[in-house]
C-alpha cells in the first residue's frame, strides 16, 4: 500500500484532491513524452536547417570565387589592352604626307594604309609591321618590328601584317642578272 492510499484511508487527504493530483501526474508524464518527441523533431529540424545553411554558404563562396575570377580576368584583359594601346600609340610611324597605298589582308578583306617609299621597303623586309589600333575600324598603325613582336606576345590579334625579317638587298641582287 502506498502513502497516498494510506492518507486517503485515514481521511487526511480529500479524494477530490487525490484525483486532481493523479490527473496532473498523468498530464505531466504525457507532456514529458510529448516534449521528448518535440525536442527530437526540433533537433532534427535544426540539424536540417544547419545543413541547408552550410550548403548555401558553400554555394555562395563558390559563386563569389567564380565572380572574383571573372573580375580578375576582365581586369587583366583591360590591362593588356591598355598596354597594347600605349605601345601602338607611342610607336606609331604613320606619316601624314605618305602617299603610296600599301594593301594587305585583314581577315577576308583587303585593307590599305598610306606609307612612304622607305616604309614600303621596310614593310616588305619585315622591319616594320602593321597593327590594328583602337581608334576605329580603319585605324592601322605602322610600327617597328620590336614593338610588333611585343604586341604579338600580349594581344596577337592586333598584328595584321608582319613578314619574317630579311636583308632586302638579296632579292634585288638575284634579279640584277636578268
N, C-alpha and C. Protein backbone atom coordinates (compact mmCIF):
# COMPACT_ATOMS: atom_id res chain seq x y z
N UNK A 1 0.83 -1.16 0.00
CA UNK A 1 0.00 0.00 0.00
C UNK A 1 0.89 1.24 0.00
N UNK A 2 0.47 2.22 -0.80
CA UNK A 2 1.29 3.41 -0.96
C UNK A 2 0.89 4.46 0.08
N UNK A 3 1.69 5.43 0.20
CA UNK A 3 1.45 6.51 1.14
C UNK A 3 0.16 7.22 0.78
N UNK A 4 -0.07 7.37 -0.47
CA UNK A 4 -1.29 8.04 -0.95
C UNK A 4 -2.54 7.29 -0.48
N UNK A 5 -2.50 5.98 -0.66
CA UNK A 5 -3.64 5.17 -0.24
C UNK A 5 -3.86 5.25 1.27
N UNK A 6 -2.80 5.24 2.04
CA UNK A 6 -2.90 5.32 3.49
C UNK A 6 -3.49 6.66 3.92
N UNK A 7 -3.04 7.76 3.24
CA UNK A 7 -3.57 9.07 3.58
C UNK A 7 -5.05 9.18 3.22
N UNK A 8 -5.43 8.56 2.12
CA UNK A 8 -6.85 8.57 1.73
C UNK A 8 -7.69 7.78 2.75
N UNK A 9 -7.20 6.62 3.20
CA UNK A 9 -7.93 5.76 4.14
C UNK A 9 -8.07 6.45 5.50
N UNK A 10 -7.04 7.17 5.87
CA UNK A 10 -7.07 7.85 7.16
C UNK A 10 -7.95 9.10 7.08
N UNK A 11 -8.25 9.58 5.85
CA UNK A 11 -9.10 10.74 5.68
C UNK A 11 -8.35 12.04 5.80
N UNK A 12 -7.07 11.96 5.79
CA UNK A 12 -6.26 13.17 5.89
C UNK A 12 -6.24 13.96 4.58
N UNK A 13 -6.42 13.28 3.45
CA UNK A 13 -6.42 13.94 2.14
C UNK A 13 -7.79 13.67 1.50
N UNK A 14 -8.47 14.74 1.01
CA UNK A 14 -9.76 14.50 0.36
C UNK A 14 -9.58 13.75 -0.97
N UNK A 15 -10.55 12.96 -1.34
CA UNK A 15 -10.45 12.14 -2.56
C UNK A 15 -10.41 13.01 -3.81
N UNK A 16 -11.08 14.17 -3.81
CA UNK A 16 -11.03 15.08 -4.96
C UNK A 16 -9.59 15.57 -5.21
N UNK A 17 -8.94 15.88 -4.11
CA UNK A 17 -7.56 16.36 -4.21
C UNK A 17 -6.67 15.25 -4.75
N UNK A 18 -6.90 14.03 -4.34
CA UNK A 18 -6.09 12.90 -4.80
C UNK A 18 -6.32 12.66 -6.30
N UNK A 19 -7.57 12.75 -6.74
CA UNK A 19 -7.87 12.56 -8.16
C UNK A 19 -7.21 13.66 -9.01
N UNK A 20 -7.29 14.87 -8.49
CA UNK A 20 -6.67 16.01 -9.20
C UNK A 20 -5.16 15.79 -9.30
N UNK A 21 -4.56 15.36 -8.24
CA UNK A 21 -3.13 15.08 -8.23
C UNK A 21 -2.79 13.96 -9.21
N UNK A 22 -3.62 12.94 -9.25
CA UNK A 22 -3.42 11.83 -10.20
C UNK A 22 -3.45 12.32 -11.64
N UNK A 23 -4.47 13.13 -11.96
CA UNK A 23 -4.60 13.61 -13.35
C UNK A 23 -3.42 14.52 -13.71
N UNK A 24 -2.97 15.33 -12.75
CA UNK A 24 -1.82 16.20 -13.03
C UNK A 24 -0.56 15.38 -13.28
N UNK A 25 -0.38 14.33 -12.53
CA UNK A 25 0.78 13.45 -12.71
C UNK A 25 0.74 12.81 -14.09
N UNK A 26 -0.45 12.30 -14.47
CA UNK A 26 -0.59 11.70 -15.80
C UNK A 26 -0.31 12.73 -16.90
N UNK A 27 -0.85 13.95 -16.71
CA UNK A 27 -0.62 15.01 -17.70
C UNK A 27 0.86 15.35 -17.82
N UNK A 28 1.52 15.42 -16.69
CA UNK A 28 2.95 15.72 -16.70
C UNK A 28 3.74 14.62 -17.43
N UNK A 29 3.38 13.38 -17.18
CA UNK A 29 4.04 12.24 -17.85
C UNK A 29 3.82 12.31 -19.36
N UNK A 30 2.56 12.61 -19.73
CA UNK A 30 2.24 12.74 -21.15
C UNK A 30 3.01 13.91 -21.79
N UNK A 31 3.03 15.06 -21.09
CA UNK A 31 3.76 16.24 -21.60
C UNK A 31 5.24 15.91 -21.75
N UNK A 32 5.79 15.18 -20.77
CA UNK A 32 7.20 14.83 -20.83
C UNK A 32 7.50 13.98 -22.06
N UNK A 33 6.65 12.98 -22.33
CA UNK A 33 6.83 12.15 -23.52
C UNK A 33 6.68 12.98 -24.78
N UNK A 34 5.66 13.84 -24.77
CA UNK A 34 5.40 14.70 -25.92
C UNK A 34 6.57 15.65 -26.14
N UNK A 35 7.09 16.23 -25.06
CA UNK A 35 8.22 17.15 -25.16
C UNK A 35 9.47 16.45 -25.70
N UNK A 36 9.69 15.19 -25.31
CA UNK A 36 10.83 14.45 -25.84
C UNK A 36 10.70 14.27 -27.35
N UNK A 37 9.49 13.94 -27.80
CA UNK A 37 9.25 13.78 -29.24
C UNK A 37 9.42 15.11 -29.95
N UNK A 38 8.89 16.18 -29.36
CA UNK A 38 9.03 17.51 -29.95
C UNK A 38 10.49 17.95 -29.96
N UNK A 39 11.21 17.63 -28.88
CA UNK A 39 12.62 18.01 -28.81
C UNK A 39 13.41 17.28 -29.90
N UNK A 40 13.09 16.01 -30.12
CA UNK A 40 13.77 15.25 -31.18
C UNK A 40 13.46 15.85 -32.55
N UNK A 41 12.18 16.18 -32.74
CA UNK A 41 11.79 16.80 -34.02
C UNK A 41 12.49 18.15 -34.20
N UNK A 42 12.52 18.93 -33.15
CA UNK A 42 13.16 20.25 -33.21
C UNK A 42 14.65 20.11 -33.49
N UNK A 43 15.30 19.14 -32.86
CA UNK A 43 16.73 18.91 -33.10
C UNK A 43 16.96 18.50 -34.56
N UNK A 44 16.09 17.65 -35.09
CA UNK A 44 16.22 17.23 -36.49
C UNK A 44 16.01 18.43 -37.43
N UNK A 45 15.02 19.26 -37.10
CA UNK A 45 14.77 20.46 -37.91
C UNK A 45 15.96 21.41 -37.88
N UNK A 46 16.52 21.61 -36.69
CA UNK A 46 17.68 22.49 -36.57
C UNK A 46 18.89 21.93 -37.33
N UNK A 47 19.09 20.62 -37.23
CA UNK A 47 20.20 20.00 -37.96
C UNK A 47 20.01 20.15 -39.47
N UNK A 48 18.77 19.97 -39.92
CA UNK A 48 18.47 20.13 -41.35
C UNK A 48 18.68 21.59 -41.79
N UNK A 49 18.22 22.51 -40.96
CA UNK A 49 18.40 23.94 -41.27
C UNK A 49 19.89 24.29 -41.28
N UNK A 50 20.65 23.73 -40.36
CA UNK A 50 22.10 23.98 -40.32
C UNK A 50 22.76 23.42 -41.58
N UNK A 51 22.37 22.21 -42.00
CA UNK A 51 22.94 21.63 -43.23
C UNK A 51 22.60 22.48 -44.44
N UNK A 52 21.37 22.94 -44.51
CA UNK A 52 20.96 23.79 -45.64
C UNK A 52 21.75 25.10 -45.63
N UNK A 53 21.92 25.69 -44.44
CA UNK A 53 22.67 26.95 -44.34
C UNK A 53 24.13 26.74 -44.74
N UNK A 54 24.73 25.63 -44.32
CA UNK A 54 26.12 25.34 -44.70
C UNK A 54 26.24 25.12 -46.20
N UNK A 55 25.27 24.40 -46.77
CA UNK A 55 25.29 24.18 -48.22
C UNK A 55 25.12 25.50 -48.97
N UNK A 56 24.25 26.34 -48.49
CA UNK A 56 24.04 27.66 -49.11
C UNK A 56 25.29 28.52 -48.99
N UNK A 57 25.94 28.46 -47.84
CA UNK A 57 27.17 29.23 -47.64
C UNK A 57 28.27 28.72 -48.57
N UNK A 58 28.37 27.41 -48.73
CA UNK A 58 29.38 26.84 -49.64
C UNK A 58 29.08 27.25 -51.08
N UNK A 59 27.81 27.20 -51.48
CA UNK A 59 27.43 27.61 -52.83
C UNK A 59 27.75 29.09 -53.04
N UNK A 60 27.48 29.90 -52.03
CA UNK A 60 27.74 31.34 -52.10
C UNK A 60 29.25 31.61 -52.22
N UNK A 61 30.05 30.87 -51.43
CA UNK A 61 31.50 31.03 -51.51
C UNK A 61 32.01 30.66 -52.90
N UNK A 62 31.50 29.57 -53.46
CA UNK A 62 31.91 29.14 -54.80
C UNK A 62 31.49 30.18 -55.85
N UNK A 63 30.30 30.70 -55.71
CA UNK A 63 29.81 31.72 -56.63
C UNK A 63 30.67 32.99 -56.53
N UNK A 64 31.00 33.39 -55.32
CA UNK A 64 31.85 34.57 -55.11
C UNK A 64 33.24 34.34 -55.70
N UNK A 65 33.78 33.13 -55.52
CA UNK A 65 35.10 32.82 -56.05
C UNK A 65 35.10 32.89 -57.58
N UNK A 66 34.06 32.34 -58.21
CA UNK A 66 33.95 32.39 -59.67
C UNK A 66 33.81 33.84 -60.14
N UNK A 67 33.02 34.61 -59.43
CA UNK A 67 32.84 36.02 -59.79
C UNK A 67 34.16 36.78 -59.67
N UNK A 68 34.91 36.50 -58.61
CA UNK A 68 36.21 37.15 -58.45
C UNK A 68 37.17 36.75 -59.56
N UNK A 69 37.14 35.48 -59.96
CA UNK A 69 37.99 35.03 -61.07
C UNK A 69 37.62 35.76 -62.36
N UNK A 70 36.33 35.91 -62.61
CA UNK A 70 35.88 36.62 -63.81
C UNK A 70 36.32 38.09 -63.76
N UNK A 71 36.17 38.70 -62.61
CA UNK A 71 36.57 40.11 -62.46
C UNK A 71 38.07 40.27 -62.67
N UNK A 72 38.83 39.34 -62.10
CA UNK A 72 40.29 39.39 -62.25
C UNK A 72 40.69 39.20 -63.71
N UNK A 73 40.04 38.26 -64.40
CA UNK A 73 40.33 38.03 -65.82
C UNK A 73 39.99 39.27 -66.64
N UNK A 74 38.86 39.90 -66.33
CA UNK A 74 38.46 41.12 -67.06
C UNK A 74 39.46 42.25 -66.78
N UNK A 75 39.90 42.35 -65.55
CA UNK A 75 40.87 43.39 -65.19
C UNK A 75 42.18 43.16 -65.94
N UNK A 76 42.64 41.92 -66.01
CA UNK A 76 43.87 41.61 -66.74
C UNK A 76 43.71 41.89 -68.23
N UNK A 77 42.54 41.54 -68.78
CA UNK A 77 42.29 41.81 -70.20
C UNK A 77 42.35 43.31 -70.46
N UNK A 78 41.74 44.10 -69.59
CA UNK A 78 41.77 45.56 -69.77
C UNK A 78 43.18 46.11 -69.64
N UNK A 79 43.96 45.55 -68.71
CA UNK A 79 45.35 45.99 -68.56
C UNK A 79 46.16 45.68 -69.81
N UNK A 80 45.97 44.48 -70.37
CA UNK A 80 46.68 44.11 -71.60
C UNK A 80 46.28 45.03 -72.74
N UNK A 81 44.99 45.29 -72.86
CA UNK A 81 44.51 46.17 -73.92
C UNK A 81 45.10 47.57 -73.77
N UNK A 82 45.14 48.08 -72.55
CA UNK A 82 45.70 49.43 -72.31
C UNK A 82 47.19 49.45 -72.63
N UNK A 83 47.89 48.39 -72.27
CA UNK A 83 49.33 48.33 -72.55
C UNK A 83 49.58 48.30 -74.06
N UNK A 84 48.79 47.51 -74.77
CA UNK A 84 48.94 47.44 -76.23
C UNK A 84 48.60 48.79 -76.86
N UNK A 85 47.55 49.41 -76.39
CA UNK A 85 47.16 50.73 -76.91
C UNK A 85 48.29 51.73 -76.72
N UNK A 86 48.91 51.69 -75.54
CA UNK A 86 50.01 52.61 -75.26
C UNK A 86 51.20 52.31 -76.17
N UNK A 87 51.53 51.04 -76.36
CA UNK A 87 52.64 50.68 -77.25
C UNK A 87 52.39 51.15 -78.68
N UNK A 88 51.19 50.89 -79.17
CA UNK A 88 50.86 51.26 -80.55
C UNK A 88 50.89 52.78 -80.72
N UNK A 89 50.25 53.49 -79.81
CA UNK A 89 50.17 54.95 -79.95
C UNK A 89 51.53 55.63 -79.79
N UNK A 90 52.37 55.10 -78.91
CA UNK A 90 53.65 55.76 -78.68
C UNK A 90 54.69 55.43 -79.76
N UNK A 91 54.48 54.36 -80.53
CA UNK A 91 55.46 53.97 -81.55
C UNK A 91 54.87 54.01 -82.97
N UNK A 92 53.81 54.71 -83.14
CA UNK A 92 53.15 54.82 -84.45
C UNK A 92 54.06 55.58 -85.41
N UNK A 93 54.30 54.99 -86.58
CA UNK A 93 55.18 55.62 -87.57
C UNK A 93 54.41 56.13 -88.79
N UNK A 94 53.10 56.17 -88.71
CA UNK A 94 52.30 56.68 -89.83
C UNK A 94 52.65 58.15 -90.07
N UNK A 95 52.87 58.48 -91.32
CA UNK A 95 53.22 59.86 -91.67
C UNK A 95 52.07 60.48 -92.45
N UNK A 96 51.65 61.68 -92.09
CA UNK A 96 50.52 62.32 -92.77
C UNK A 96 50.80 62.61 -94.25
N UNK A 97 52.08 62.83 -94.62
CA UNK A 97 52.39 63.16 -96.02
C UNK A 97 52.61 61.91 -96.87
N UNK A 98 52.48 60.72 -96.30
CA UNK A 98 52.66 59.47 -97.07
C UNK A 98 51.58 59.37 -98.13
N UNK A 99 51.99 58.96 -99.36
CA UNK A 99 51.04 58.92 -100.47
C UNK A 99 50.87 57.55 -101.08
N UNK A 100 51.81 56.63 -100.89
CA UNK A 100 51.73 55.32 -101.53
C UNK A 100 50.78 54.41 -100.75
N UNK A 101 49.78 53.85 -101.42
CA UNK A 101 48.92 52.89 -100.70
C UNK A 101 49.61 51.54 -100.57
N UNK A 102 49.52 50.95 -99.41
CA UNK A 102 50.08 49.62 -99.18
C UNK A 102 48.91 48.71 -98.82
N UNK A 103 48.61 47.75 -99.68
CA UNK A 103 47.48 46.84 -99.48
C UNK A 103 47.92 45.62 -98.68
N UNK A 104 47.04 45.17 -97.81
CA UNK A 104 47.31 43.97 -97.01
C UNK A 104 45.98 43.33 -96.67
N UNK A 105 46.04 42.07 -96.27
CA UNK A 105 44.82 41.32 -95.98
C UNK A 105 44.49 41.42 -94.50
N UNK A 106 43.22 41.72 -94.22
CA UNK A 106 42.70 41.79 -92.86
C UNK A 106 41.53 40.82 -92.79
N UNK A 107 41.82 39.58 -92.42
CA UNK A 107 40.78 38.55 -92.44
C UNK A 107 40.40 38.26 -93.87
N UNK A 108 39.16 38.48 -94.23
CA UNK A 108 38.74 38.24 -95.61
C UNK A 108 38.67 39.53 -96.42
N UNK A 109 39.12 40.63 -95.84
CA UNK A 109 39.10 41.92 -96.53
C UNK A 109 40.52 42.36 -96.90
N UNK A 110 40.61 43.14 -97.97
CA UNK A 110 41.87 43.75 -98.34
C UNK A 110 41.79 45.20 -97.89
N UNK A 111 42.73 45.57 -97.03
CA UNK A 111 42.76 46.93 -96.48
C UNK A 111 43.96 47.66 -97.06
N UNK A 112 44.00 48.96 -96.83
CA UNK A 112 45.08 49.78 -97.36
C UNK A 112 45.50 50.81 -96.32
N UNK A 113 46.81 51.07 -96.30
CA UNK A 113 47.35 52.10 -95.42
C UNK A 113 48.34 52.91 -96.27
N UNK A 114 48.43 54.20 -96.04
CA UNK A 114 49.34 55.07 -96.79
C UNK A 114 50.72 55.03 -96.15
N UNK A 115 51.76 54.80 -96.99
CA UNK A 115 53.13 54.70 -96.49
C UNK A 115 54.06 55.49 -97.40
N UNK A 116 55.26 55.73 -96.91
CA UNK A 116 56.31 56.37 -97.72
C UNK A 116 57.08 55.24 -98.44
N UNK A 117 57.89 55.56 -99.45
CA UNK A 117 58.67 54.51 -100.13
C UNK A 117 59.60 53.76 -99.16
N UNK A 118 60.20 54.45 -98.21
CA UNK A 118 61.07 53.79 -97.24
C UNK A 118 60.27 52.83 -96.36
N UNK A 119 59.07 53.25 -95.96
CA UNK A 119 58.22 52.38 -95.14
C UNK A 119 57.77 51.16 -95.94
N UNK A 120 57.50 51.35 -97.22
CA UNK A 120 57.06 50.24 -98.08
C UNK A 120 58.16 49.18 -98.11
N UNK A 121 59.40 49.61 -98.29
CA UNK A 121 60.52 48.68 -98.34
C UNK A 121 60.71 48.00 -96.98
N UNK A 122 60.59 48.77 -95.88
CA UNK A 122 60.75 48.21 -94.53
C UNK A 122 59.63 47.21 -94.22
N UNK A 123 58.42 47.46 -94.71
CA UNK A 123 57.33 46.51 -94.52
C UNK A 123 57.63 45.20 -95.26
N UNK A 124 58.14 45.32 -96.47
CA UNK A 124 58.43 44.15 -97.29
C UNK A 124 59.57 43.32 -96.70
N UNK A 125 60.51 43.96 -96.05
CA UNK A 125 61.63 43.22 -95.48
C UNK A 125 61.39 42.79 -94.04
N UNK A 126 60.28 43.15 -93.46
CA UNK A 126 59.93 42.70 -92.12
C UNK A 126 60.45 43.57 -91.00
N UNK A 127 61.00 44.74 -91.33
CA UNK A 127 61.48 45.65 -90.27
C UNK A 127 60.34 46.46 -89.68
N UNK A 128 59.23 46.57 -90.39
CA UNK A 128 58.03 47.25 -89.89
C UNK A 128 56.86 46.27 -89.98
N UNK A 129 55.84 46.53 -89.18
CA UNK A 129 54.63 45.73 -89.22
C UNK A 129 53.41 46.64 -89.18
N UNK A 130 52.28 46.09 -89.55
CA UNK A 130 51.03 46.84 -89.49
C UNK A 130 50.20 46.26 -88.35
N UNK A 131 49.76 47.14 -87.46
CA UNK A 131 48.98 46.75 -86.28
C UNK A 131 47.61 47.41 -86.32
N UNK A 132 46.66 46.75 -85.70
CA UNK A 132 45.31 47.32 -85.60
C UNK A 132 45.26 48.22 -84.38
N UNK A 133 44.87 49.48 -84.60
CA UNK A 133 44.73 50.42 -83.49
C UNK A 133 43.34 50.35 -82.90
N UNK A 134 43.09 51.20 -81.90
CA UNK A 134 41.79 51.22 -81.21
C UNK A 134 40.95 52.44 -81.56
N UNK A 135 41.41 53.25 -82.47
CA UNK A 135 40.67 54.49 -82.77
C UNK A 135 39.45 54.27 -83.65
N UNK A 136 39.41 53.18 -84.35
CA UNK A 136 38.27 52.91 -85.22
C UNK A 136 38.53 51.66 -86.04
N UNK A 137 37.55 51.32 -86.86
CA UNK A 137 37.66 50.11 -87.67
C UNK A 137 38.82 50.18 -88.66
N UNK A 138 39.11 51.38 -89.17
CA UNK A 138 40.16 51.55 -90.18
C UNK A 138 41.40 52.23 -89.61
N UNK A 139 41.69 51.97 -88.34
CA UNK A 139 42.87 52.54 -87.70
C UNK A 139 43.99 51.50 -87.78
N UNK A 140 44.90 51.69 -88.75
CA UNK A 140 46.02 50.79 -88.94
C UNK A 140 47.30 51.55 -88.69
N UNK A 141 48.11 51.02 -87.82
CA UNK A 141 49.33 51.69 -87.41
C UNK A 141 50.54 50.95 -87.97
N UNK A 142 51.49 51.71 -88.50
CA UNK A 142 52.76 51.16 -88.93
C UNK A 142 53.70 51.32 -87.75
N UNK A 143 54.34 50.20 -87.32
CA UNK A 143 55.19 50.24 -86.14
C UNK A 143 56.44 49.39 -86.37
N UNK A 144 57.51 49.66 -85.61
CA UNK A 144 58.74 48.87 -85.74
C UNK A 144 58.51 47.40 -85.37
N UNK A 145 59.36 46.53 -85.89
CA UNK A 145 59.25 45.09 -85.66
C UNK A 145 59.27 44.74 -84.16
N UNK A 146 60.15 45.37 -83.40
CA UNK A 146 60.25 45.06 -81.98
C UNK A 146 58.93 45.32 -81.26
N UNK A 147 58.30 46.42 -81.61
CA UNK A 147 57.01 46.76 -80.99
C UNK A 147 55.95 45.77 -81.44
N UNK A 148 55.97 45.41 -82.71
CA UNK A 148 55.00 44.44 -83.22
C UNK A 148 55.17 43.10 -82.51
N UNK A 149 56.40 42.69 -82.24
CA UNK A 149 56.62 41.43 -81.52
C UNK A 149 56.14 41.51 -80.08
N UNK A 150 56.33 42.67 -79.43
CA UNK A 150 55.82 42.85 -78.07
C UNK A 150 54.29 42.77 -78.06
N UNK A 151 53.68 43.43 -79.04
CA UNK A 151 52.21 43.41 -79.14
C UNK A 151 51.73 41.99 -79.41
N UNK A 152 52.47 41.25 -80.24
CA UNK A 152 52.09 39.87 -80.55
C UNK A 152 52.12 39.00 -79.30
N UNK A 153 53.04 39.26 -78.38
CA UNK A 153 53.09 38.50 -77.13
C UNK A 153 51.87 38.78 -76.26
N UNK A 154 51.42 40.03 -76.27
CA UNK A 154 50.32 40.43 -75.39
C UNK A 154 48.96 40.14 -76.02
N UNK A 155 48.73 40.69 -77.22
CA UNK A 155 47.46 40.51 -77.94
C UNK A 155 47.75 40.18 -79.40
N UNK A 156 47.91 38.92 -79.74
CA UNK A 156 48.28 38.55 -81.11
C UNK A 156 47.27 38.98 -82.17
N UNK A 157 46.02 39.16 -81.82
CA UNK A 157 45.01 39.54 -82.82
C UNK A 157 45.20 40.97 -83.33
N UNK A 158 46.05 41.74 -82.67
CA UNK A 158 46.31 43.12 -83.11
C UNK A 158 47.32 43.17 -84.28
N UNK A 159 48.05 42.10 -84.52
CA UNK A 159 49.03 42.06 -85.61
C UNK A 159 48.31 41.73 -86.90
N UNK A 160 48.36 42.65 -87.85
CA UNK A 160 47.72 42.42 -89.14
C UNK A 160 48.74 41.98 -90.20
N UNK A 161 49.96 42.52 -90.11
CA UNK A 161 50.97 42.17 -91.10
C UNK A 161 52.35 42.29 -90.47
N UNK A 162 53.12 41.21 -90.53
CA UNK A 162 54.50 41.22 -90.06
C UNK A 162 55.22 40.09 -90.78
N UNK A 163 55.99 40.47 -91.80
CA UNK A 163 56.73 39.49 -92.57
C UNK A 163 57.96 39.04 -91.79
N UNK A 164 58.48 37.85 -92.11
CA UNK A 164 59.75 37.43 -91.49
C UNK A 164 60.85 38.41 -91.90
N UNK A 165 61.75 38.69 -90.99
CA UNK A 165 62.79 39.68 -91.26
C UNK A 165 63.79 39.13 -92.27
N UNK A 166 64.13 39.97 -93.26
CA UNK A 166 65.14 39.59 -94.27
C UNK A 166 65.98 40.82 -94.57
N UNK A 167 67.10 40.60 -95.25
CA UNK A 167 68.00 41.70 -95.55
C UNK A 167 67.42 42.66 -96.57
N UNK A 168 66.65 42.18 -97.51
CA UNK A 168 66.01 43.04 -98.51
C UNK A 168 66.87 43.24 -99.73
N UNK A 169 68.19 43.38 -99.63
CA UNK A 169 69.06 43.61 -100.76
C UNK A 169 69.30 42.32 -101.54
N UNK A 170 69.20 41.18 -100.88
CA UNK A 170 69.47 39.90 -101.53
C UNK A 170 68.52 39.67 -102.69
N UNK A 171 67.25 40.01 -102.53
CA UNK A 171 66.27 39.78 -103.59
C UNK A 171 66.60 40.65 -104.80
N UNK A 172 67.04 41.87 -104.57
CA UNK A 172 67.38 42.75 -105.69
C UNK A 172 68.62 42.24 -106.43
N UNK A 173 69.58 41.68 -105.70
CA UNK A 173 70.79 41.16 -106.34
C UNK A 173 70.48 39.96 -107.21
N UNK A 174 69.52 39.10 -106.78
CA UNK A 174 69.16 37.93 -107.57
C UNK A 174 68.55 38.35 -108.91
N UNK A 175 67.83 39.41 -108.91
CA UNK A 175 67.17 39.85 -110.14
C UNK A 175 68.07 40.75 -111.01
N UNK A 176 69.20 41.10 -110.48
CA UNK A 176 70.09 42.01 -111.21
C UNK A 176 70.64 41.43 -112.51
N UNK A 177 70.79 40.12 -112.65
CA UNK A 177 71.34 39.50 -113.85
C UNK A 177 70.35 39.41 -114.99
N UNK A 178 69.13 39.63 -114.77
CA UNK A 178 68.11 39.49 -115.83
C UNK A 178 68.27 40.59 -116.78
